[in-house]
Amino acid sequence: MLRTILVILLILMLLGVLPIWPHSVSWGYWPGGLVGTLLVIVIILLLLR
């Protein structure tokens, strides 16, 4: 249950920091890349269990 919530939260964070939204245009790509990397790591850890 907690894993599912964590994955959903990371997906929502990834959508929030993408530079297509007006509030995040000046941030560049690094926040999206960081959250995307965390999401990939969490998914890999979930698949290995």
C-alpha atoms as a PDB file:
ATOM      1  CA  MET A   1       0.000   0.000   0.000  1.00  0.00           C
ATOM      2  CA  LEU A   2       2.747   2.443   0.954  1.00  0.00           C
ATOM      3  CA  ARG A   3       4.714   1.594  -2.191  1.00  0.00           C
ATOM      4  CA  THR A   4       1.758   2.421  -4.398  1.00  0.00           C
ATOM      5  CA  ILE A   5       1.282   5.760  -2.661  1.00  0.00           C
ATOM      6  CA  LEU A   6       5.003   6.517  -3.075  1.00  0.00           C
ATOM      7  CA  VAL A   7       4.927   5.775  -6.816  1.00  0.00           C
ATOM      8  CA  ILE A   8       1.782   7.881  -7.322  1.00  0.00           C
ATOM      9  CA  LEU A   9       3.308  10.737  -5.335  1.00  0.00           C
ATOM     10  CA  LEU A  10       6.502  10.639  -7.406  1.00  0.00           C
ATOM     11  CA  ILE A  11       4.504  10.628 -10.655  1.00  0.00           C
ATOM     12  CA  LEU A  12       2.528  13.655  -9.501  1.00  0.00           C
ATOM     13  CA  MET A  13       5.751  15.409  -8.487  1.00  0.00           C
ATOM     14  CA  LEU A  14       7.229  14.634 -11.905  1.00  0.00           C
ATOM     15  CA  LEU A  15       4.204  16.183 -13.617  1.00  0.00           C
ATOM     16  CA  GLY A  16       4.436  19.241 -11.358  1.00  0.00           C
ATOM     17  CA  VAL A  17       8.084  20.020 -12.098  1.00  0.00           C
ATOM     18  CA  LEU A  18       8.007  19.546 -15.864  1.00  0.00           C
ATOM     19  CA  PRO A  19       8.961  22.826 -17.551  1.00  0.00           C
ATOM     20  CA  ILE A  20       5.666  23.029 -19.461  1.00  0.00           C
ATOM     21  CA  TRP A  21       3.846  24.690 -16.561  1.00  0.00           C
ATOM     22  CA  PRO A  22       4.077  28.489 -16.128  1.00  0.00           C
ATOM     23  CA  HIS A  23       5.447  28.259 -12.581  1.00  0.00           C
ATOM     24  CA  SER A  24       8.340  25.970 -13.563  1.00  0.00           C
ATOM     25  CA  VAL A  25       9.525  27.377 -16.902  1.00  0.00           C
ATOM     26  CA  SER A  26      12.538  29.145 -15.381  1.00  0.00           C
ATOM     27  CA  TRP A  27      13.671  26.051 -13.455  1.00  0.00           C
ATOM     28  CA  GLY A  28      14.964  24.198 -16.497  1.00  0.00           C
ATOM     29  CA  TYR A  29      15.060  20.422 -16.764  1.00  0.00           C
ATOM     30  CA  TRP A  30      17.025  19.457 -13.651  1.00  0.00           C
ATOM     31  CA  PRO A  31      14.049  19.136 -11.212  1.00  0.00           C
ATOM     32  CA  GLY A  32      12.183  16.911 -13.661  1.00  0.00           C
ATOM     33  CA  GLY A  33      15.291  14.846 -14.254  1.00  0.00           C
ATOM     34  CA  LEU A  34      15.861  14.434 -10.532  1.00  0.00           C
ATOM     35  CA  VAL A  35      12.293  13.345  -9.815  1.00  0.00           C
ATOM     36  CA  GLY A  36      12.307  11.099 -12.896  1.00  0.00           C
ATOM     37  CA  THR A  37      15.502   9.432 -11.697  1.00  0.00           C
ATOM     38  CA  LEU A  38      13.989   8.868  -8.257  1.00  0.00           C
ATOM     39  CA  LEU A  39      10.884   7.397  -9.878  1.00  0.00           C
ATOM     40  CA  VAL A  40      12.951   4.980 -11.968  1.00  0.00           C
ATOM     41  CA  ILE A  41      14.957   3.901  -8.899  1.00  0.00           C
ATOM     42  CA  VAL A  42      11.779   3.284  -6.885  1.00  0.00           C
ATOM     43  CA  ILE A  43      10.196   1.288  -9.720  1.00  0.00           C
ATOM     44  CA  ILE A  44      13.338  -0.836 -10.112  1.00  0.00           C
ATOM     45  CA  LEU A  45      13.419  -1.501  -6.368  1.00  0.00           C
ATOM     46  CA  LEU A  46       9.743  -2.486  -6.437  1.00  0.00           C
ATOM     47  CA  LEU A  47      10.325  -4.876  -9.327  1.00  0.00           C
ATOM     48  CA  LEU A  48      13.325  -6.508  -7.641  1.00  0.00           C
ATOM     49  CA  ARG A  49      11.337  -7.339  -4.497  1.00  0.00           C
END
